[in-house]
Amino acid sequence: MNNITTINDKSVKASEIIRKKLLDCGGKVTVFTLDRKPCNIVAWSDGLSFTTDKIMNYSLAYKFSVFDFIVDLLCEQGGKAKKGNAHGKEDKVGMGNCTEDTVVGAIAVRYWGKSYGESAFDPMFMIAAVLEWAGIVHIRRGYLELTAEYKALLGAKQL
């Protein structure tokens, strides 16, 4: 975890806040989904990525930057956005519940670089749980909302 130690303590970027909190926990933490199921989050040794036991048993990693894409979307939409999903046949990228104005759709397009019509993976339960654990969002039924505390960190100009 050598790269994870180079963190800007003053940063308001979601990725940096989460990396620091994870480092403070020794690189491992258990977060809880909306339905209170535990989800183990582990920092990868590159210091730039994390994984979970809930997605392919720790074999798929996400870069911490995924959280910045989500916060950007939430800010663009006044502090909250629909979660969306990519579960149904009609929920391809850009369609159904996987449009770019949803968190799942934004991850698919902005983070993974998917094109409209492609299939997407839906990590919402885990991503939302980490963001809530870090104090950045509140998980609501159907949407995520920035916390008042995180909005204050960002300042009014970014919302």
N, C-alpha and C. Protein backbone atom coordinates (compact mmCIF):
# COMPACT_ATOMS: atom_id res chain seq x y z
N MET A 1 0.81 -1.19 0.00
CA MET A 1 0.00 0.00 0.00
C MET A 1 0.85 1.25 0.00
N ASN A 2 1.97 1.25 -0.64
CA ASN A 2 2.86 2.39 -0.59
C ASN A 2 2.27 3.65 -1.19
N ASN A 3 1.53 3.60 -2.29
CA ASN A 3 0.95 4.79 -2.89
C ASN A 3 -0.20 5.37 -2.09
N ILE A 4 -0.84 4.55 -1.30
CA ILE A 4 -2.00 5.03 -0.54
C ILE A 4 -1.57 6.02 0.55
N THR A 5 -0.32 6.02 0.90
CA THR A 5 0.14 6.93 1.95
C THR A 5 0.35 8.35 1.46
N THR A 6 0.41 8.59 0.17
CA THR A 6 0.57 9.94 -0.37
C THR A 6 -0.80 10.55 -0.61
N ILE A 7 -1.37 11.06 0.46
CA ILE A 7 -2.72 11.60 0.43
C ILE A 7 -2.67 13.04 0.90
N ASN A 8 -3.40 13.89 0.21
CA ASN A 8 -3.53 15.28 0.60
C ASN A 8 -4.63 15.37 1.67
N ASP A 9 -4.22 15.60 2.92
CA ASP A 9 -5.17 15.67 4.03
C ASP A 9 -6.18 16.80 3.88
N LYS A 10 -5.86 17.80 3.08
CA LYS A 10 -6.73 18.97 2.92
C LYS A 10 -7.69 18.82 1.73
N SER A 11 -7.54 17.77 0.97
CA SER A 11 -8.35 17.58 -0.23
C SER A 11 -9.82 17.37 0.13
N VAL A 12 -10.70 17.92 -0.72
CA VAL A 12 -12.13 17.69 -0.57
C VAL A 12 -12.63 16.68 -1.61
N LYS A 13 -11.70 16.13 -2.39
CA LYS A 13 -12.07 15.12 -3.38
C LYS A 13 -12.51 13.85 -2.67
N ALA A 14 -13.63 13.31 -3.12
CA ALA A 14 -14.16 12.09 -2.51
C ALA A 14 -13.13 10.98 -2.53
N SER A 15 -12.39 10.84 -3.62
CA SER A 15 -11.39 9.78 -3.74
C SER A 15 -10.33 9.89 -2.65
N GLU A 16 -9.88 11.09 -2.37
CA GLU A 16 -8.84 11.30 -1.35
C GLU A 16 -9.38 11.09 0.06
N ILE A 17 -10.59 11.55 0.31
CA ILE A 17 -11.22 11.35 1.62
C ILE A 17 -11.36 9.86 1.91
N ILE A 18 -11.83 9.12 0.93
CA ILE A 18 -12.05 7.68 1.12
C ILE A 18 -10.72 6.94 1.25
N ARG A 19 -9.74 7.29 0.43
CA ARG A 19 -8.42 6.66 0.56
C ARG A 19 -7.85 6.88 1.95
N LYS A 20 -7.95 8.12 2.46
CA LYS A 20 -7.42 8.42 3.80
C LYS A 20 -8.15 7.62 4.87
N LYS A 21 -9.47 7.60 4.80
CA LYS A 21 -10.24 6.84 5.80
C LYS A 21 -9.87 5.36 5.75
N LEU A 22 -9.71 4.83 4.55
CA LEU A 22 -9.35 3.42 4.42
C LEU A 22 -7.95 3.17 4.98
N LEU A 23 -7.03 4.06 4.72
CA LEU A 23 -5.68 3.95 5.28
C LEU A 23 -5.73 3.98 6.80
N ASP A 24 -6.53 4.89 7.33
CA ASP A 24 -6.67 5.00 8.78
C ASP A 24 -7.21 3.71 9.41
N CYS A 25 -7.90 2.91 8.61
CA CYS A 25 -8.45 1.63 9.07
C CYS A 25 -7.53 0.45 8.73
N GLY A 26 -6.30 0.74 8.34
CA GLY A 26 -5.36 -0.32 8.00
C GLY A 26 -5.58 -0.92 6.62
N GLY A 27 -6.33 -0.24 5.76
CA GLY A 27 -6.55 -0.73 4.40
C GLY A 27 -7.72 -1.67 4.25
N LYS A 28 -8.46 -1.90 5.34
CA LYS A 28 -9.62 -2.80 5.29
C LYS A 28 -10.73 -2.22 6.15
N VAL A 29 -11.95 -2.32 5.64
CA VAL A 29 -13.10 -1.86 6.42
C VAL A 29 -14.33 -2.64 6.00
N THR A 30 -15.26 -2.79 6.91
CA THR A 30 -16.56 -3.37 6.58
C THR A 30 -17.57 -2.24 6.56
N VAL A 31 -18.23 -2.06 5.42
CA VAL A 31 -19.29 -1.07 5.29
C VAL A 31 -20.60 -1.82 5.17
N PHE A 32 -21.70 -1.10 5.29
CA PHE A 32 -23.00 -1.75 5.26
C PHE A 32 -23.89 -1.15 4.17
N THR A 33 -24.53 -2.03 3.42
CA THR A 33 -25.42 -1.61 2.35
C THR A 33 -26.70 -1.05 2.94
N LEU A 34 -27.55 -0.51 2.09
CA LEU A 34 -28.82 0.06 2.53
C LEU A 34 -29.64 -0.96 3.33
N ASP A 35 -29.60 -2.21 2.93
CA ASP A 35 -30.35 -3.24 3.66
C ASP A 35 -29.53 -3.88 4.78
N ARG A 36 -28.46 -3.19 5.19
CA ARG A 36 -27.62 -3.54 6.35
C ARG A 36 -26.80 -4.81 6.17
N LYS A 37 -26.52 -5.19 4.94
CA LYS A 37 -25.65 -6.34 4.69
C LYS A 37 -24.20 -5.87 4.70
N PRO A 38 -23.30 -6.63 5.35
CA PRO A 38 -21.90 -6.23 5.40
C PRO A 38 -21.20 -6.42 4.06
N CYS A 39 -20.26 -5.54 3.79
CA CYS A 39 -19.49 -5.57 2.55
C CYS A 39 -18.05 -5.20 2.91
N ASN A 40 -17.13 -6.13 2.73
CA ASN A 40 -15.73 -5.89 3.08
C ASN A 40 -15.01 -5.16 1.95
N ILE A 41 -14.39 -4.04 2.27
CA ILE A 41 -13.67 -3.22 1.31
C ILE A 41 -12.18 -3.30 1.65
N VAL A 42 -11.35 -3.52 0.64
CA VAL A 42 -9.91 -3.68 0.85
C VAL A 42 -9.16 -2.83 -0.19
N ALA A 43 -8.18 -2.08 0.29
CA ALA A 43 -7.32 -1.31 -0.62
C ALA A 43 -6.34 -2.27 -1.29
N TRP A 44 -6.14 -2.08 -2.60
CA TRP A 44 -5.14 -2.87 -3.31
C TRP A 44 -3.76 -2.29 -3.04
N SER A 45 -2.76 -3.09 -3.23
CA SER A 45 -1.39 -2.67 -2.92
C SER A 45 -0.91 -1.51 -3.79
N ASP A 46 -1.57 -1.25 -4.93
CA ASP A 46 -1.16 -0.12 -5.76
C ASP A 46 -1.51 1.23 -5.12
N GLY A 47 -2.37 1.21 -4.10
CA GLY A 47 -2.75 2.42 -3.41
C GLY A 47 -3.74 3.28 -4.17
N LEU A 48 -4.10 2.86 -5.36
CA LEU A 48 -5.01 3.65 -6.20
C LEU A 48 -6.35 2.98 -6.41
N SER A 49 -6.47 1.74 -5.95
CA SER A 49 -7.66 0.93 -6.22
C SER A 49 -8.15 0.25 -4.96
N PHE A 50 -9.38 -0.21 -5.03
CA PHE A 50 -9.97 -0.98 -3.93
C PHE A 50 -10.82 -2.08 -4.52
N THR A 51 -11.14 -3.04 -3.70
CA THR A 51 -11.97 -4.17 -4.13
C THR A 51 -12.86 -4.59 -2.98
N THR A 52 -13.70 -5.57 -3.24
CA THR A 52 -14.62 -6.06 -2.22
C THR A 52 -14.85 -7.55 -2.38
N ASP A 53 -15.24 -8.18 -1.31
CA ASP A 53 -15.59 -9.60 -1.34
C ASP A 53 -16.89 -9.84 -2.09
N LYS A 54 -17.67 -8.82 -2.29
CA LYS A 54 -18.99 -8.97 -2.91
C LYS A 54 -18.95 -8.95 -4.44
N ILE A 55 -17.84 -8.56 -5.03
CA ILE A 55 -17.74 -8.53 -6.48
C ILE A 55 -16.61 -9.46 -6.90
N MET A 56 -16.98 -10.61 -7.42
CA MET A 56 -16.02 -11.60 -7.90
C MET A 56 -14.96 -11.95 -6.85
N ASN A 57 -15.37 -11.98 -5.60
CA ASN A 57 -14.50 -12.38 -4.49
C ASN A 57 -13.13 -11.70 -4.55
N TYR A 58 -13.14 -10.39 -4.55
CA TYR A 58 -11.94 -9.53 -4.53
C TYR A 58 -11.16 -9.50 -5.84
N SER A 59 -11.71 -9.99 -6.93
CA SER A 59 -10.91 -10.04 -8.17
C SER A 59 -11.13 -8.85 -9.11
N LEU A 60 -12.13 -8.00 -8.86
CA LEU A 60 -12.36 -6.81 -9.68
C LEU A 60 -12.08 -5.58 -8.83
N ALA A 61 -11.21 -4.74 -9.32
CA ALA A 61 -10.86 -3.52 -8.58
C ALA A 61 -11.43 -2.29 -9.26
N TYR A 62 -11.74 -1.31 -8.46
CA TYR A 62 -12.14 0.01 -8.93
C TYR A 62 -11.08 1.00 -8.45
N LYS A 63 -10.75 1.96 -9.27
CA LYS A 63 -9.88 3.04 -8.83
C LYS A 63 -10.70 3.96 -7.93
N PHE A 64 -10.05 4.57 -6.96
CA PHE A 64 -10.75 5.49 -6.07
C PHE A 64 -11.39 6.64 -6.83
N SER A 65 -10.87 6.95 -8.01
CA SER A 65 -11.42 8.05 -8.82
C SER A 65 -12.88 7.84 -9.19
N VAL A 66 -13.41 6.61 -9.11
CA VAL A 66 -14.81 6.38 -9.41
C VAL A 66 -15.69 7.27 -8.53
N PHE A 67 -15.25 7.52 -7.29
CA PHE A 67 -16.05 8.35 -6.38
C PHE A 67 -16.11 9.80 -6.84
N ASP A 68 -15.05 10.28 -7.48
CA ASP A 68 -15.05 11.66 -7.99
C ASP A 68 -16.04 11.81 -9.14
N PHE A 69 -16.16 10.80 -10.00
CA PHE A 69 -17.14 10.84 -11.08
C PHE A 69 -18.56 10.92 -10.51
N ILE A 70 -18.80 10.19 -9.44
CA ILE A 70 -20.12 10.18 -8.83
C ILE A 70 -20.43 11.53 -8.19
N VAL A 71 -19.48 12.07 -7.45
CA VAL A 71 -19.70 13.38 -6.83
C VAL A 71 -19.91 14.45 -7.90
N ASP A 72 -19.18 14.39 -8.99
CA ASP A 72 -19.39 15.34 -10.09
C ASP A 72 -20.84 15.27 -10.58
N LEU A 73 -21.35 14.05 -10.78
CA LEU A 73 -22.73 13.88 -11.22
C LEU A 73 -23.69 14.48 -10.19
N LEU A 74 -23.49 14.18 -8.92
CA LEU A 74 -24.38 14.68 -7.88
C LEU A 74 -24.36 16.21 -7.85
N CYS A 75 -23.19 16.80 -7.99
CA CYS A 75 -23.09 18.26 -8.01
C CYS A 75 -23.81 18.85 -9.23
N GLU A 76 -23.66 18.21 -10.37
CA GLU A 76 -24.33 18.67 -11.59
C GLU A 76 -25.85 18.67 -11.43
N GLN A 77 -26.34 17.79 -10.56
CA GLN A 77 -27.79 17.64 -10.38
C GLN A 77 -28.27 18.25 -9.07
N GLY A 78 -27.52 19.20 -8.53
CA GLY A 78 -27.96 19.91 -7.33
C GLY A 78 -27.78 19.15 -6.04
N GLY A 79 -26.98 18.11 -6.03
CA GLY A 79 -26.69 17.39 -4.79
C GLY A 79 -27.28 16.01 -4.66
N LYS A 80 -28.12 15.62 -5.62
CA LYS A 80 -28.65 14.26 -5.55
C LYS A 80 -28.92 13.73 -6.96
N ALA A 81 -28.88 12.40 -7.07
CA ALA A 81 -29.13 11.76 -8.36
C ALA A 81 -29.71 10.37 -8.13
N LYS A 82 -30.50 9.92 -9.09
CA LYS A 82 -31.04 8.56 -9.04
C LYS A 82 -29.89 7.57 -9.11
N LYS A 83 -30.07 6.46 -8.40
CA LYS A 83 -29.05 5.40 -8.45
C LYS A 83 -29.03 4.73 -9.81
N GLY A 84 -30.20 4.39 -10.34
CA GLY A 84 -30.27 3.65 -11.59
C GLY A 84 -29.90 2.20 -11.37
N ASN A 85 -29.90 1.43 -12.45
CA ASN A 85 -29.43 0.04 -12.37
C ASN A 85 -29.19 -0.48 -13.78
N ALA A 86 -28.53 -1.59 -13.84
CA ALA A 86 -28.22 -2.23 -15.12
C ALA A 86 -28.62 -3.70 -15.07
N HIS A 87 -29.77 -3.96 -14.46
CA HIS A 87 -30.20 -5.34 -14.24
C HIS A 87 -31.08 -5.91 -15.35
N GLY A 88 -31.94 -5.09 -15.93
CA GLY A 88 -32.89 -5.60 -16.91
C GLY A 88 -32.35 -5.57 -18.33
N LYS A 89 -33.03 -6.31 -19.21
CA LYS A 89 -32.64 -6.35 -20.62
C LYS A 89 -32.70 -4.96 -21.23
N GLU A 90 -33.65 -4.14 -20.78
CA GLU A 90 -33.81 -2.79 -21.31
C GLU A 90 -32.85 -1.78 -20.66
N ASP A 91 -32.07 -2.22 -19.68
CA ASP A 91 -31.20 -1.33 -18.94
C ASP A 91 -29.76 -1.37 -19.45
N LYS A 92 -29.62 -1.18 -20.74
CA LYS A 92 -28.29 -1.05 -21.35
C LYS A 92 -27.83 0.39 -21.14
N VAL A 93 -26.56 0.65 -21.33
CA VAL A 93 -26.02 2.00 -21.15
C VAL A 93 -26.79 2.99 -22.04
N GLY A 94 -27.27 4.05 -21.40
CA GLY A 94 -28.01 5.09 -22.11
C GLY A 94 -29.49 4.81 -22.25
N MET A 95 -29.96 3.68 -21.71
CA MET A 95 -31.36 3.29 -21.86
C MET A 95 -31.96 2.88 -20.52
N GLY A 96 -33.28 2.86 -20.46
CA GLY A 96 -33.99 2.37 -19.28
C GLY A 96 -33.51 3.05 -18.01
N ASN A 97 -33.06 2.24 -17.07
CA ASN A 97 -32.58 2.75 -15.77
C ASN A 97 -31.08 2.96 -15.73
N CYS A 98 -30.43 2.97 -16.89
CA CYS A 98 -28.98 3.11 -16.96
C CYS A 98 -28.59 4.31 -17.84
N THR A 99 -29.32 5.39 -17.67
CA THR A 99 -29.01 6.61 -18.42
C THR A 99 -27.89 7.38 -17.71
N GLU A 100 -27.26 8.27 -18.44
CA GLU A 100 -26.11 9.00 -17.91
C GLU A 100 -26.43 9.92 -16.74
N ASP A 101 -27.71 10.21 -16.50
CA ASP A 101 -28.08 11.05 -15.36
C ASP A 101 -28.30 10.22 -14.10
N THR A 102 -28.06 8.90 -14.18
CA THR A 102 -28.09 8.03 -13.00
C THR A 102 -26.66 7.70 -12.61
N VAL A 103 -26.48 7.30 -11.37
CA VAL A 103 -25.13 6.97 -10.90
C VAL A 103 -24.57 5.77 -11.65
N VAL A 104 -25.37 4.74 -11.84
CA VAL A 104 -24.91 3.55 -12.56
C VAL A 104 -24.54 3.91 -14.01
N GLY A 105 -25.37 4.70 -14.66
CA GLY A 105 -25.09 5.12 -16.02
C GLY A 105 -23.85 5.99 -16.11
N ALA A 106 -23.68 6.90 -15.14
CA ALA A 106 -22.49 7.76 -15.14
C ALA A 106 -21.22 6.94 -14.93
N ILE A 107 -21.27 5.96 -14.06
CA ILE A 107 -20.10 5.08 -13.86
C ILE A 107 -19.79 4.35 -15.17
N ALA A 108 -20.83 3.84 -15.82
CA ALA A 108 -20.63 3.10 -17.07
C ALA A 108 -19.97 3.97 -18.14
N VAL A 109 -20.45 5.19 -18.31
CA VAL A 109 -19.96 6.06 -19.37
C VAL A 109 -18.69 6.81 -18.97
N ARG A 110 -18.73 7.47 -17.82
CA ARG A 110 -17.62 8.35 -17.43
C ARG A 110 -16.41 7.58 -16.88
N TYR A 111 -16.67 6.53 -16.15
CA TYR A 111 -15.57 5.78 -15.53
C TYR A 111 -15.09 4.65 -16.45
N TRP A 112 -16.03 3.81 -16.91
CA TRP A 112 -15.65 2.65 -17.72
C TRP A 112 -15.52 2.98 -19.20
N GLY A 113 -16.05 4.13 -19.66
CA GLY A 113 -15.96 4.51 -21.06
C GLY A 113 -16.88 3.70 -21.97
N LYS A 114 -17.98 3.21 -21.42
CA LYS A 114 -18.93 2.41 -22.20
C LYS A 114 -19.68 3.30 -23.19
N SER A 115 -20.12 2.69 -24.28
CA SER A 115 -20.93 3.38 -25.27
C SER A 115 -22.40 3.01 -25.06
N TYR A 116 -23.27 3.89 -25.54
CA TYR A 116 -24.70 3.61 -25.44
C TYR A 116 -25.01 2.29 -26.12
N GLY A 117 -25.89 1.52 -25.46
CA GLY A 117 -26.30 0.22 -25.98
C GLY A 117 -25.51 -0.95 -25.42
N GLU A 118 -24.34 -0.66 -24.82
CA GLU A 118 -23.54 -1.74 -24.23
C GLU A 118 -24.12 -2.15 -22.88
N SER A 119 -23.74 -3.33 -22.44
CA SER A 119 -24.09 -3.79 -21.11
C SER A 119 -23.18 -3.12 -20.08
N ALA A 120 -23.67 -3.01 -18.87
CA ALA A 120 -22.88 -2.41 -17.80
C ALA A 120 -22.98 -3.27 -16.55
N PHE A 121 -21.97 -3.16 -15.73
CA PHE A 121 -21.96 -3.83 -14.44
C PHE A 121 -22.52 -2.85 -13.42
N ASP A 122 -23.29 -3.32 -12.46
CA ASP A 122 -23.95 -2.45 -11.50
C ASP A 122 -23.40 -2.68 -10.09
N PRO A 123 -22.43 -1.87 -9.67
CA PRO A 123 -21.83 -2.01 -8.34
C PRO A 123 -22.47 -1.11 -7.29
N MET A 124 -23.68 -0.60 -7.57
CA MET A 124 -24.26 0.47 -6.75
C MET A 124 -24.28 0.16 -5.26
N PHE A 125 -24.66 -1.04 -4.86
CA PHE A 125 -24.78 -1.37 -3.45
C PHE A 125 -23.46 -1.12 -2.71
N MET A 126 -22.35 -1.48 -3.33
CA MET A 126 -21.04 -1.35 -2.70
C MET A 126 -20.55 0.10 -2.76
N ILE A 127 -20.66 0.72 -3.92
CA ILE A 127 -20.21 2.10 -4.10
C ILE A 127 -20.95 3.03 -3.14
N ALA A 128 -22.27 2.89 -3.07
CA ALA A 128 -23.08 3.73 -2.19
C ALA A 128 -22.70 3.52 -0.73
N ALA A 129 -22.45 2.28 -0.35
CA ALA A 129 -22.09 1.99 1.04
C ALA A 129 -20.77 2.65 1.43
N VAL A 130 -19.80 2.65 0.53
CA VAL A 130 -18.51 3.29 0.81
C VAL A 130 -18.69 4.81 0.92
N LEU A 131 -19.43 5.39 0.00
CA LEU A 131 -19.67 6.84 0.05
C LEU A 131 -20.39 7.25 1.33
N GLU A 132 -21.32 6.44 1.78
CA GLU A 132 -22.03 6.76 3.03
C GLU A 132 -21.10 6.61 4.23
N TRP A 133 -20.32 5.54 4.24
CA TRP A 133 -19.36 5.31 5.33
C TRP A 133 -18.40 6.50 5.46
N ALA A 134 -18.03 7.09 4.34
CA ALA A 134 -17.09 8.21 4.34
C ALA A 134 -17.77 9.54 4.69
N GLY A 135 -19.08 9.55 4.85
CA GLY A 135 -19.78 10.78 5.19
C GLY A 135 -20.03 11.69 4.00
N ILE A 136 -19.96 11.15 2.80
CA ILE A 136 -20.11 11.96 1.59
C ILE A 136 -21.55 11.97 1.10
N VAL A 137 -22.24 10.86 1.19
CA VAL A 137 -23.64 10.79 0.75
C VAL A 137 -24.50 10.11 1.81
N HIS A 138 -25.79 10.33 1.65
CA HIS A 138 -26.82 9.55 2.35
C HIS A 138 -27.39 8.62 1.28
N ILE A 139 -27.55 7.36 1.62
CA ILE A 139 -28.20 6.42 0.72
C ILE A 139 -29.70 6.52 0.98
N ARG A 140 -30.43 6.78 -0.07
CA ARG A 140 -31.89 6.84 0.01
C ARG A 140 -32.45 5.77 -0.92
N ARG A 141 -33.69 5.45 -0.75
CA ARG A 141 -34.34 4.50 -1.67
C ARG A 141 -34.41 5.15 -3.04
N GLY A 142 -33.65 4.62 -3.98
CA GLY A 142 -33.71 5.11 -5.35
C GLY A 142 -32.72 6.20 -5.72
N TYR A 143 -32.07 6.82 -4.74
CA TYR A 143 -31.13 7.88 -5.08
C TYR A 143 -30.06 8.07 -4.00
N LEU A 144 -29.02 8.79 -4.37
CA LEU A 144 -27.97 9.20 -3.45
C LEU A 144 -28.05 10.71 -3.29
N GLU A 145 -27.74 11.19 -2.09
CA GLU A 145 -27.79 12.62 -1.82
C GLU A 145 -26.55 13.01 -1.03
N LEU A 146 -25.89 14.08 -1.47
CA LEU A 146 -24.72 14.57 -0.74
C LEU A 146 -25.13 14.99 0.66
N THR A 147 -24.27 14.71 1.64
CA THR A 147 -24.55 15.13 3.01
C THR A 147 -24.33 16.64 3.13
N ALA A 148 -24.97 17.25 4.11
CA ALA A 148 -24.79 18.68 4.36
C ALA A 148 -23.33 18.98 4.69
N GLU A 149 -22.69 18.08 5.42
CA GLU A 149 -21.29 18.27 5.79
C GLU A 149 -20.37 18.27 4.58
N TYR A 150 -20.62 17.35 3.66
CA TYR A 150 -19.78 17.30 2.46
C TYR A 150 -20.06 18.50 1.55
N LYS A 151 -21.32 18.90 1.45
CA LYS A 151 -21.65 20.09 0.67
C LYS A 151 -20.89 21.31 1.22
N ALA A 152 -20.83 21.39 2.54
CA ALA A 152 -20.10 22.52 3.16
C ALA A 152 -18.62 22.47 2.81
N LEU A 153 -18.03 21.27 2.78
CA LEU A 153 -16.64 21.13 2.38
C LEU A 153 -16.42 21.59 0.95
N LEU A 154 -17.34 21.21 0.08
CA LEU A 154 -17.23 21.59 -1.33
C LEU A 154 -17.42 23.08 -1.55
N GLY A 155 -18.31 23.66 -0.77
CA GLY A 155 -18.63 25.08 -0.95
C GLY A 155 -19.75 25.23 -1.96
N ALA A 156 -20.50 26.27 -1.83
CA ALA A 156 -21.68 26.51 -2.67
C ALA A 156 -21.34 26.64 -4.14
N LYS A 157 -20.14 27.10 -4.48
CA LYS A 157 -19.81 27.34 -5.88
C LYS A 157 -19.79 26.06 -6.72
N GLN A 158 -19.59 24.92 -6.08
CA GLN A 158 -19.51 23.68 -6.86
C GLN A 158 -20.86 23.01 -7.06
N LEU A 159 -21.87 23.45 -6.34
CA LEU A 159 -23.19 22.83 -6.49
C LEU A 159 -24.06 23.64 -7.42
